[in-house]
Amino acid sequence: MSESGPWGQKVHSASLGPKYRVIVPKAIREVLSVGEGDTLLFVVENGTVQVTSRAQMIQALQGSTPEEEDTDE
């Protein structure tokens, strides 16, 4: 199910199945560019949870650390 949220975002829902498993809706899989066997990450901050893919997290972290200085002289 997909609905519009109060700020114009899309809201998708899924139910917990046996053993607390969730089937990720197709629209979410497409946004995350994930398929069977890919790793999803759940980022918890201030009582909210953000779902992202491992690949997207790696991409977001690239460039977030200072580059090593070139010590060759």
Protein backbone atom coordinates (compact mmCIF):
# COMPACT_ATOMS: atom_id res chain seq x y z
CA MET A 1 0.00 0.00 0.00
CA SER A 2 1.25 3.49 -0.84
CA GLU A 3 -0.12 6.77 0.48
CA SER A 4 1.00 10.38 0.47
CA GLY A 5 2.34 11.65 3.78
CA PRO A 6 1.71 15.06 5.33
CA TRP A 7 4.82 16.57 3.72
CA GLY A 8 4.28 15.09 0.25
CA GLN A 9 6.47 12.05 0.78
CA LYS A 10 5.34 8.54 -0.13
CA VAL A 11 4.41 6.22 2.73
CA HIS A 12 4.54 2.47 2.12
CA SER A 13 3.41 -0.23 4.51
CA ALA A 14 4.25 -3.88 5.11
CA SER A 15 3.17 -6.38 7.75
CA LEU A 16 5.28 -8.52 10.01
CA GLY A 17 4.99 -12.16 9.09
CA PRO A 18 6.10 -15.34 10.84
CA LYS A 19 9.41 -14.93 12.69
CA TYR A 20 9.04 -11.12 12.34
CA ARG A 21 9.88 -11.17 8.64
CA VAL A 22 8.89 -8.32 6.35
CA ILE A 23 8.47 -8.38 2.59
CA VAL A 24 9.90 -5.12 1.29
CA PRO A 25 7.43 -3.49 -1.12
CA LYS A 26 8.50 -3.39 -4.78
CA ALA A 27 8.55 0.42 -4.85
CA ILE A 28 11.03 0.45 -1.94
CA ARG A 29 13.22 -2.25 -3.52
CA GLU A 30 13.36 -0.15 -6.68
CA VAL A 31 14.30 3.04 -4.80
CA LEU A 32 17.04 1.18 -2.94
CA SER A 33 18.14 -0.77 -6.05
CA VAL A 34 18.22 -4.01 -4.08
CA GLY A 35 17.38 -7.58 -4.87
CA GLU A 36 17.26 -10.94 -3.15
CA GLY A 37 20.32 -11.49 -0.97
CA ASP A 38 21.31 -7.80 -0.76
CA THR A 39 21.94 -6.28 2.66
CA LEU A 40 19.63 -3.63 4.10
CA LEU A 41 20.74 -1.37 6.93
CA PHE A 42 18.43 0.07 9.59
CA VAL A 43 19.74 3.38 10.93
CA VAL A 44 18.16 4.29 14.28
CA GLU A 45 18.34 7.91 15.42
CA ASN A 46 16.15 9.86 17.85
CA GLY A 47 13.41 7.26 17.86
CA THR A 48 13.13 6.99 14.08
CA VAL A 49 14.39 4.31 11.72
CA GLN A 50 15.77 4.92 8.23
CA VAL A 51 16.20 2.00 5.84
CA THR A 52 19.01 2.11 3.30
CA SER A 53 21.04 -0.35 1.32
CA ARG A 54 24.61 -1.29 2.10
CA ALA A 55 25.68 0.08 -1.29
CA GLN A 56 23.95 3.43 -0.68
CA MET A 57 25.56 3.73 2.77
CA ILE A 58 29.02 3.05 1.33
CA GLN A 59 28.39 5.64 -1.39
CA ALA A 60 27.23 8.20 1.20
CA LEU A 61 30.30 7.58 3.36
CA GLN A 62 32.78 7.98 0.51
CA GLY A 63 34.46 11.31 0.86
CA SER A 64 33.25 11.75 4.45
CA THR A 65 36.69 10.97 5.85
CA PRO A 66 39.67 13.26 5.36
CA GLU A 67 42.05 12.19 2.64
CA GLU A 68 45.50 11.10 3.70
CA GLU A 69 48.14 13.70 3.14
CA ASP A 70 50.82 12.86 0.61
CA THR A 71 54.02 12.45 2.68
CA ASP A 72 56.31 11.73 -0.30
CA GLU A 73 58.75 14.57 -0.78
